[in-house]
């Protein structure tokens, strides 16, 4: 087709406009397909990231909780043993006094024998 002048304006090549329109439609379709593919890939990446975060949290948080529970149990056990030792050590003062008394008696006896 030949260019058609419109009024006093520049002649327009209608076939060229149709080619440009077809190219624009093709580019639009390709862009839609690309964006759809990109959206799908981003959703898969987000899903994978979420899954790995859940695994990380469950393993890390679970491990930390188990370690804290073990430490609390060990600390409780240590406190109980210290309490028992404290009770056992209370009798040491009485024993030390008795040993001193016996030593003094032995010293007196030793001095009397000489």
Foldseek 3Di string as FASTA:
>chain_A
DDFDDDDPDDTDDVVVVVVVVVVVVVVVVVVVVVVVVVVVVVVVVVVVVVVVVVVVCCVVVVVVVVVVVVVVVVVVVVVVVVVVVVVVCVCVVVVVVVVVVVVVVVVVVVVVVD
